């Protein structure tokens, strides 16, 4: 099982908040208002491999899986 570090949980929260989606070149990026999008592909792919997040085939937006949502709730976020 993947260790629940602060950085991984922060990225998972950003995914849940709809801030992580693929750009035109299909690179997962973190989009924050007023800032340049940040390449988060390695973190996203790691979370995907371990079943924390997924990307539906109909959108470029990444979303938490049921497992990922449970991790967020366990970490104190409903």
PDB file of N, CA and C in Angstrom:
ATOM      1  N   UNK A   1       0.838  -1.185   0.000  1.00  0.00           N
ATOM      2  CA  UNK A   1       0.000   0.000   0.000  1.00  0.00           C
ATOM      3  C   UNK A   1       0.882   1.247   0.000  1.00  0.00           C
ATOM      4  N   UNK A   2       0.442   2.255  -0.718  1.00  0.00           N
ATOM      5  CA  UNK A   2       1.171   3.509  -0.840  1.00  0.00           C
ATOM      6  C   UNK A   2       1.066   4.301   0.464  1.00  0.00           C
ATOM      7  N   UNK A   3       2.200   4.819   0.939  1.00  0.00           N
ATOM      8  CA  UNK A   3       2.220   5.602   2.172  1.00  0.00           C
ATOM      9  C   UNK A   3       1.448   6.913   1.993  1.00  0.00           C
ATOM     10  N   UNK A   4       0.677   7.267   2.996  1.00  0.00           N
ATOM     11  CA  UNK A   4      -0.128   8.492   2.945  1.00  0.00           C
ATOM     12  C   UNK A   4       0.692   9.680   3.452  1.00  0.00           C
ATOM     13  N   UNK A   5       1.539  10.222   2.602  1.00  0.00           N
ATOM     14  CA  UNK A   5       2.340  11.378   2.989  1.00  0.00           C
ATOM     15  C   UNK A   5       1.520  12.655   2.829  1.00  0.00           C
ATOM     16  N   UNK A   6       1.993  13.727   3.432  1.00  0.00           N
ATOM     17  CA  UNK A   6       1.304  15.020   3.335  1.00  0.00           C
ATOM     18  C   UNK A   6       1.225  15.481   1.882  1.00  0.00           C
ATOM     19  N   UNK A   7       2.291  15.270   1.125  1.00  0.00           N
ATOM     20  CA  UNK A   7       2.307  15.701  -0.282  1.00  0.00           C
ATOM     21  C   UNK A   7       1.297  14.908  -1.114  1.00  0.00           C
ATOM     22  N   UNK A   8       1.213  13.608  -0.901  1.00  0.00           N
ATOM     23  CA  UNK A   8       0.256  12.791  -1.658  1.00  0.00           C
ATOM     24  C   UNK A   8      -1.183  13.154  -1.299  1.00  0.00           C
ATOM     25  N   UNK A   9      -1.439  13.369  -0.025  1.00  0.00           N
ATOM     26  CA  UNK A   9      -2.787  13.755   0.384  1.00  0.00           C
ATOM     27  C   UNK A   9      -3.147  15.145  -0.130  1.00  0.00           C
ATOM     28  N   UNK A  10      -2.176  16.044  -0.188  1.00  0.00           N
ATOM     29  CA  UNK A  10      -2.432  17.388  -0.731  1.00  0.00           C
ATOM     30  C   UNK A  10      -2.801  17.302  -2.209  1.00  0.00           C
ATOM     31  N   UNK A  11      -2.082  16.475  -2.962  1.00  0.00           N
ATOM     32  CA  UNK A  11      -2.411  16.300  -4.377  1.00  0.00           C
ATOM     33  C   UNK A  11      -3.789  15.656  -4.524  1.00  0.00           C
ATOM     34  N   UNK A  12      -4.091  14.692  -3.687  1.00  0.00           N
ATOM     35  CA  UNK A  12      -5.409  14.056  -3.710  1.00  0.00           C
ATOM     36  C   UNK A  12      -6.509  15.083  -3.421  1.00  0.00           C
ATOM     37  N   UNK A  13      -6.268  15.990  -2.484  1.00  0.00           N
ATOM     38  CA  UNK A  13      -7.240  17.062  -2.197  1.00  0.00           C
ATOM     39  C   UNK A  13      -7.417  17.972  -3.407  1.00  0.00           C
ATOM     40  N   UNK A  14      -6.303  18.302  -4.067  1.00  0.00           N
ATOM     41  CA  UNK A  14      -6.392  19.147  -5.265  1.00  0.00           C
ATOM     42  C   UNK A  14      -7.186  18.455  -6.367  1.00  0.00           C
ATOM     43  N   UNK A  15      -7.004  17.151  -6.502  1.00  0.00           N
ATOM     44  CA  UNK A  15      -7.784  16.383  -7.476  1.00  0.00           C
ATOM     45  C   UNK A  15      -9.269  16.460  -7.112  1.00  0.00           C
ATOM     46  N   UNK A  16      -9.584  16.246  -5.845  1.00  0.00           N
ATOM     47  CA  UNK A  16     -10.980  16.286  -5.395  1.00  0.00           C
ATOM     48  C   UNK A  16     -11.600  17.669  -5.599  1.00  0.00           C
ATOM     49  N   UNK A  17     -10.776  18.702  -5.536  1.00  0.00           N
ATOM     50  CA  UNK A  17     -11.256  20.077  -5.729  1.00  0.00           C
ATOM     51  C   UNK A  17     -11.342  20.476  -7.198  1.00  0.00           C
ATOM     52  N   UNK A  18     -11.044  19.543  -8.106  1.00  0.00           N
ATOM     53  CA  UNK A  18     -11.150  19.817  -9.540  1.00  0.00           C
ATOM     54  C   UNK A  18     -10.039  20.692 -10.088  1.00  0.00           C
ATOM     55  N   UNK A  19      -8.887  20.680  -9.433  1.00  0.00           N
ATOM     56  CA  UNK A  19      -7.772  21.529  -9.855  1.00  0.00           C
ATOM     57  C   UNK A  19      -6.751  20.810 -10.731  1.00  0.00           C
ATOM     58  N   UNK A  20      -6.918  19.506 -10.924  1.00  0.00           N
ATOM     59  CA  UNK A  20      -5.945  18.732 -11.697  1.00  0.00           C
ATOM     60  C   UNK A  20      -6.632  18.162 -12.933  1.00  0.00           C
ATOM     61  N   UNK A  21      -6.146  18.588 -14.086  1.00  0.00           N
ATOM     62  CA  UNK A  21      -6.659  18.047 -15.345  1.00  0.00           C
ATOM     63  C   UNK A  21      -5.584  18.138 -16.406  1.00  0.00           C
ATOM     64  N   UNK A  22      -5.762  17.348 -17.457  1.00  0.00           N
ATOM     65  CA  UNK A  22      -4.785  17.294 -18.540  1.00  0.00           C
ATOM     66  C   UNK A  22      -4.898  18.534 -19.417  1.00  0.00           C
ATOM     67  N   UNK A  23      -3.746  19.067 -19.807  1.00  0.00           N
ATOM     68  CA  UNK A  23      -3.708  20.156 -20.779  1.00  0.00           C
ATOM     69  C   UNK A  23      -3.846  19.574 -22.178  1.00  0.00           C
ATOM     70  N   UNK A  24      -3.733  20.426 -23.178  1.00  0.00           N
ATOM     71  CA  UNK A  24      -3.877  19.984 -24.569  1.00  0.00           C
ATOM     72  C   UNK A  24      -2.873  18.910 -24.958  1.00  0.00           C
ATOM     73  N   UNK A  25      -1.705  18.887 -24.291  1.00  0.00           N
ATOM     74  CA  UNK A  25      -0.694  17.874 -24.598  1.00  0.00           C
ATOM     75  C   UNK A  25      -0.850  16.623 -23.730  1.00  0.00           C
ATOM     76  N   UNK A  26      -1.973  16.534 -22.998  1.00  0.00           N
ATOM     77  CA  UNK A  26      -2.308  15.388 -22.147  1.00  0.00           C
ATOM     78  C   UNK A  26      -1.366  15.212 -20.965  1.00  0.00           C
ATOM     79  N   UNK A  27      -0.748  16.301 -20.523  1.00  0.00           N
ATOM     80  CA  UNK A  27       0.069  16.281 -19.318  1.00  0.00           C
ATOM     81  C   UNK A  27      -0.800  16.716 -18.141  1.00  0.00           C
ATOM     82  N   UNK A  28      -0.893  15.895 -17.090  1.00  0.00           N
ATOM     83  CA  UNK A  28      -1.663  16.314 -15.919  1.00  0.00           C
ATOM     84  C   UNK A  28      -1.004  17.529 -15.258  1.00  0.00           C
ATOM     85  N   UNK A  29      -1.800  18.562 -15.049  1.00  0.00           N
ATOM     86  CA  UNK A  29      -1.283  19.792 -14.440  1.00  0.00           C
ATOM     87  C   UNK A  29      -2.227  20.262 -13.343  1.00  0.00           C
ATOM     88  N   UNK A  30      -1.614  20.867 -12.328  1.00  0.00           N
ATOM     89  CA  UNK A  30      -2.349  21.496 -11.240  1.00  0.00           C
ATOM     90  C   UNK A  30      -2.618  22.935 -11.646  1.00  0.00           C
ATOM     91  N   UNK A  31      -3.892  23.307 -11.668  1.00  0.00           N
ATOM     92  CA  UNK A  31      -4.307  24.650 -12.076  1.00  0.00           C
ATOM     93  C   UNK A  31      -4.790  25.421 -10.850  1.00  0.00           C
ATOM     94  N   UNK A  32      -4.064  26.495 -10.529  1.00  0.00           N
ATOM     95  CA  UNK A  32      -4.409  27.361  -9.408  1.00  0.00           C
ATOM     96  C   UNK A  32      -4.582  28.767  -9.955  1.00  0.00           C
ATOM     97  N   UNK A  33      -5.659  29.431  -9.573  1.00  0.00           N
ATOM     98  CA  UNK A  33      -5.942  30.780 -10.074  1.00  0.00           C
ATOM     99  C   UNK A  33      -4.747  31.710  -9.890  1.00  0.00           C
ATOM    100  N   UNK A  34      -4.422  32.431 -10.954  1.00  0.00           N
ATOM    101  CA  UNK A  34      -3.362  33.425 -10.900  1.00  0.00           C
ATOM    102  C   UNK A  34      -1.957  32.878 -11.030  1.00  0.00           C
ATOM    103  N   UNK A  35      -1.810  31.582 -11.214  1.00  0.00           N
ATOM    104  CA  UNK A  35      -0.485  30.973 -11.328  1.00  0.00           C
ATOM    105  C   UNK A  35      -0.403  30.126 -12.594  1.00  0.00           C
ATOM    106  N   UNK A  36       0.814  29.920 -13.050  1.00  0.00           N
ATOM    107  CA  UNK A  36       1.036  29.030 -14.190  1.00  0.00           C
ATOM    108  C   UNK A  36       0.701  27.599 -13.770  1.00  0.00           C
ATOM    109  N   UNK A  37       0.061  26.819 -14.638  1.00  0.00           N
ATOM    110  CA  UNK A  37      -0.200  25.408 -14.316  1.00  0.00           C
ATOM    111  C   UNK A  37       1.109  24.662 -14.047  1.00  0.00           C
ATOM    112  N   UNK A  38       1.067  23.755 -13.087  1.00  0.00           N
ATOM    113  CA  UNK A  38       2.248  23.003 -12.664  1.00  0.00           C
ATOM    114  C   UNK A  38       2.118  21.551 -13.117  1.00  0.00           C
ATOM    115  N   UNK A  39       3.175  21.030 -13.710  1.00  0.00           N
ATOM    116  CA  UNK A  39       3.225  19.636 -14.152  1.00  0.00           C
ATOM    117  C   UNK A  39       3.256  18.726 -12.921  1.00  0.00           C
ATOM    118  N   UNK A  40       2.230  17.913 -12.768  1.00  0.00           N
ATOM    119  CA  UNK A  40       2.154  16.981 -11.637  1.00  0.00           C
ATOM    120  C   UNK A  40       2.009  15.538 -12.124  1.00  0.00           C
ATOM    121  N   UNK A  41       2.510  15.281 -13.332  1.00  0.00           N
ATOM    122  CA  UNK A  41       2.287  13.970 -13.949  1.00  0.00           C
ATOM    123  C   UNK A  41       2.808  12.809 -13.118  1.00  0.00           C
ATOM    124  N   UNK A  42       3.987  12.956 -12.516  1.00  0.00           N
ATOM    125  CA  UNK A  42       4.545  11.825 -11.767  1.00  0.00           C
ATOM    126  C   UNK A  42       3.698  11.504 -10.534  1.00  0.00           C
ATOM    127  N   UNK A  43       3.262  12.527  -9.825  1.00  0.00           N
ATOM    128  CA  UNK A  43       2.394  12.308  -8.669  1.00  0.00           C
ATOM    129  C   UNK A  43       1.048  11.736  -9.059  1.00  0.00           C
ATOM    130  N   UNK A  44       0.477  12.261 -10.136  1.00  0.00           N
ATOM    131  CA  UNK A  44      -0.820  11.778 -10.617  1.00  0.00           C
ATOM    132  C   UNK A  44      -0.722  10.321 -11.032  1.00  0.00           C
ATOM    133  N   UNK A  45       0.294   9.996 -11.783  1.00  0.00           N
ATOM    134  CA  UNK A  45       0.429   8.610 -12.248  1.00  0.00           C
ATOM    135  C   UNK A  45       0.679   7.657 -11.087  1.00  0.00           C
ATOM    136  N   UNK A  46       1.401   8.111 -10.072  1.00  0.00           N
ATOM    137  CA  UNK A  46       1.626   7.283  -8.892  1.00  0.00           C
ATOM    138  C   UNK A  46       0.296   7.023  -8.169  1.00  0.00           C
ATOM    139  N   UNK A  47      -0.494   8.078  -7.976  1.00  0.00           N
ATOM    140  CA  UNK A  47      -1.787   7.905  -7.305  1.00  0.00           C
ATOM    141  C   UNK A  47      -2.734   7.034  -8.130  1.00  0.00           C
ATOM    142  N   UNK A  48      -2.672   7.174  -9.441  1.00  0.00           N
ATOM    143  CA  UNK A  48      -3.514   6.343 -10.308  1.00  0.00           C
ATOM    144  C   UNK A  48      -3.112   4.871 -10.206  1.00  0.00           C
ATOM    145  N   UNK A  49      -1.819   4.593 -10.239  1.00  0.00           N
ATOM    146  CA  UNK A  49      -1.332   3.206 -10.153  1.00  0.00           C
ATOM    147  C   UNK A  49      -1.800   2.510  -8.880  1.00  0.00           C
ATOM    148  N   UNK A  50      -1.943   3.290  -7.812  1.00  0.00           N
ATOM    149  CA  UNK A  50      -2.328   2.708  -6.530  1.00  0.00           C
ATOM    150  C   UNK A  50      -3.820   2.835  -6.237  1.00  0.00           C
ATOM    151  N   UNK A  51      -4.592   3.273  -7.236  1.00  0.00           N
ATOM    152  CA  UNK A  51      -6.038   3.274  -7.108  1.00  0.00           C
ATOM    153  C   UNK A  51      -6.631   4.430  -6.324  1.00  0.00           C
ATOM    154  N   UNK A  52      -5.867   5.509  -6.136  1.00  0.00           N
ATOM    155  CA  UNK A  52      -6.389   6.661  -5.393  1.00  0.00           C
ATOM    156  C   UNK A  52      -7.216   7.577  -6.290  1.00  0.00           C
ATOM    157  N   UNK A  53      -6.835   7.683  -7.576  1.00  0.00           N
ATOM    158  CA  UNK A  53      -7.522   8.571  -8.510  1.00  0.00           C
ATOM    159  C   UNK A  53      -7.710   7.861  -9.841  1.00  0.00           C
ATOM    160  N   UNK A  54      -8.566   8.444 -10.667  1.00  0.00           N
ATOM    161  CA  UNK A  54      -8.797   7.910 -12.007  1.00  0.00           C
ATOM    162  C   UNK A  54      -9.193   9.063 -12.916  1.00  0.00           C
ATOM    163  N   UNK A  55      -9.116   8.800 -14.194  1.00  0.00           N
ATOM    164  CA  UNK A  55      -9.549   9.787 -15.173  1.00  0.00           C
ATOM    165  C   UNK A  55     -10.578   9.126 -16.082  1.00  0.00           C
ATOM    166  N   UNK A  56     -11.844   9.545 -15.965  1.00  0.00           N
ATOM    167  CA  UNK A  56     -12.858   8.985 -16.859  1.00  0.00           C
ATOM    168  C   UNK A  56     -12.494   9.256 -18.318  1.00  0.00           C
ATOM    169  N   UNK A  57     -12.873   8.368 -19.196  1.00  0.00           N
ATOM    170  CA  UNK A  57     -12.507   8.508 -20.611  1.00  0.00           C
ATOM    171  C   UNK A  57     -13.225   9.661 -21.293  1.00  0.00           C
ATOM    172  N   UNK A  58     -14.208  10.252 -20.638  1.00  0.00           N
ATOM    173  CA  UNK A  58     -14.991  11.329 -21.250  1.00  0.00           C
ATOM    174  C   UNK A  58     -14.520  12.727 -20.868  1.00  0.00           C
ATOM    175  N   UNK A  59     -13.477  12.831 -20.062  1.00  0.00           N
ATOM    176  CA  UNK A  59     -13.025  14.140 -19.594  1.00  0.00           C
ATOM    177  C   UNK A  59     -11.523  14.146 -19.360  1.00  0.00           C
ATOM    178  N   UNK A  60     -10.945  15.324 -19.277  1.00  0.00           N
ATOM    179  CA  UNK A  60      -9.524  15.462 -18.943  1.00  0.00           C
ATOM    180  C   UNK A  60      -9.320  15.703 -17.455  1.00  0.00           C
ATOM    181  N   UNK A  61     -10.407  15.791 -16.720  1.00  0.00           N
ATOM    182  CA  UNK A  61     -10.362  16.041 -15.286  1.00  0.00           C
ATOM    183  C   UNK A  61     -10.074  14.739 -14.538  1.00  0.00           C
ATOM    184  N   UNK A  62      -9.154  14.797 -13.581  1.00  0.00           N
ATOM    185  CA  UNK A  62      -8.869  13.644 -12.734  1.00  0.00           C
ATOM    186  C   UNK A  62      -9.808  13.681 -11.540  1.00  0.00           C
ATOM    187  N   UNK A  63     -10.198  12.502 -11.040  1.00  0.00           N
ATOM    188  CA  UNK A  63     -11.142  12.402  -9.931  1.00  0.00           C
ATOM    189  C   UNK A  63     -10.675  11.349  -8.935  1.00  0.00           C
ATOM    190  N   UNK A  64     -11.003  11.533  -7.653  1.00  0.00           N
ATOM    191  CA  UNK A  64     -10.679  10.483  -6.677  1.00  0.00           C
ATOM    192  C   UNK A  64     -11.548   9.249  -6.925  1.00  0.00           C
ATOM    193  N   UNK A  65     -10.988   8.099  -6.697  1.00  0.00           N
ATOM    194  CA  UNK A  65     -11.774   6.865  -6.707  1.00  0.00           C
ATOM    195  C   UNK A  65     -12.517   6.777  -5.369  1.00  0.00           C
ATOM    196  N   UNK A  66     -13.332   5.774  -5.207  1.00  0.00           N
ATOM    197  CA  UNK A  66     -13.984   5.563  -3.907  1.00  0.00           C
ATOM    198  C   UNK A  66     -12.931   5.385  -2.823  1.00  0.00           C
ATOM    199  N   UNK A  67     -11.871   4.661  -3.151  1.00  0.00           N
ATOM    200  CA  UNK A  67     -10.782   4.455  -2.196  1.00  0.00           C
ATOM    201  C   UNK A  67     -10.118   5.783  -1.849  1.00  0.00           C
ATOM    202  N   UNK A  68      -9.844   6.597  -2.869  1.00  0.00           N
ATOM    203  CA  UNK A  68      -9.233   7.903  -2.637  1.00  0.00           C
ATOM    204  C   UNK A  68     -10.120   8.804  -1.797  1.00  0.00           C
ATOM    205  N   UNK A  69     -11.418   8.776  -2.063  1.00  0.00           N
ATOM    206  CA  UNK A  69     -12.356   9.579  -1.272  1.00  0.00           C
ATOM    207  C   UNK A  69     -12.355   9.116   0.179  1.00  0.00           C
ATOM    208  N   UNK A  70     -12.284   7.811   0.392  1.00  0.00           N
ATOM    209  CA  UNK A  70     -12.231   7.283   1.757  1.00  0.00           C
ATOM    210  C   UNK A  70     -10.960   7.741   2.464  1.00  0.00           C
ATOM    211  N   UNK A  71      -9.847   7.796   1.745  1.00  0.00           N
ATOM    212  CA  UNK A  71      -8.603   8.291   2.340  1.00  0.00           C
ATOM    213  C   UNK A  71      -8.743   9.745   2.766  1.00  0.00           C
ATOM    214  N   UNK A  72      -9.379  10.553   1.932  1.00  0.00           N
ATOM    215  CA  UNK A  72      -9.591  11.963   2.284  1.00  0.00           C
ATOM    216  C   UNK A  72     -10.465  12.091   3.530  1.00  0.00           C
ATOM    217  N   UNK A  73     -11.519  11.313   3.577  1.00  0.00           N
ATOM    218  CA  UNK A  73     -12.409  11.362   4.737  1.00  0.00           C
ATOM    219  C   UNK A  73     -11.673  10.922   5.992  1.00  0.00           C
ATOM    220  N   UNK A  74     -10.859   9.892   5.865  1.00  0.00           N
ATOM    221  CA  UNK A  74     -10.073   9.403   6.993  1.00  0.00           C
ATOM    222  C   UNK A  74      -9.069  10.460   7.454  1.00  0.00           C
ATOM    223  N   UNK A  75      -8.560  11.243   6.513  1.00  0.00           N
ATOM    224  CA  UNK A  75      -7.579  12.283   6.830  1.00  0.00           C
ATOM    225  C   UNK A  75      -8.238  13.552   7.372  1.00  0.00           C
ATOM    226  N   UNK A  76      -9.570  13.557   7.455  1.00  0.00           N
ATOM    227  CA  UNK A  76     -10.246  14.685   8.059  1.00  0.00           C
ATOM    228  C   UNK A  76     -10.944  15.624   7.115  1.00  0.00           C
ATOM    229  N   UNK A  77     -11.158  15.183   5.902  1.00  0.00           N
ATOM    230  CA  UNK A  77     -11.874  16.024   4.948  1.00  0.00           C
ATOM    231  C   UNK A  77     -13.082  15.264   4.435  1.00  0.00           C
ATOM    232  N   UNK A  78     -14.247  15.824   4.598  1.00  0.00           N
ATOM    233  CA  UNK A  78     -15.473  15.159   4.134  1.00  0.00           C
ATOM    234  C   UNK A  78     -15.720  15.408   2.676  1.00  0.00           C
TER     235      UNK A  78
END
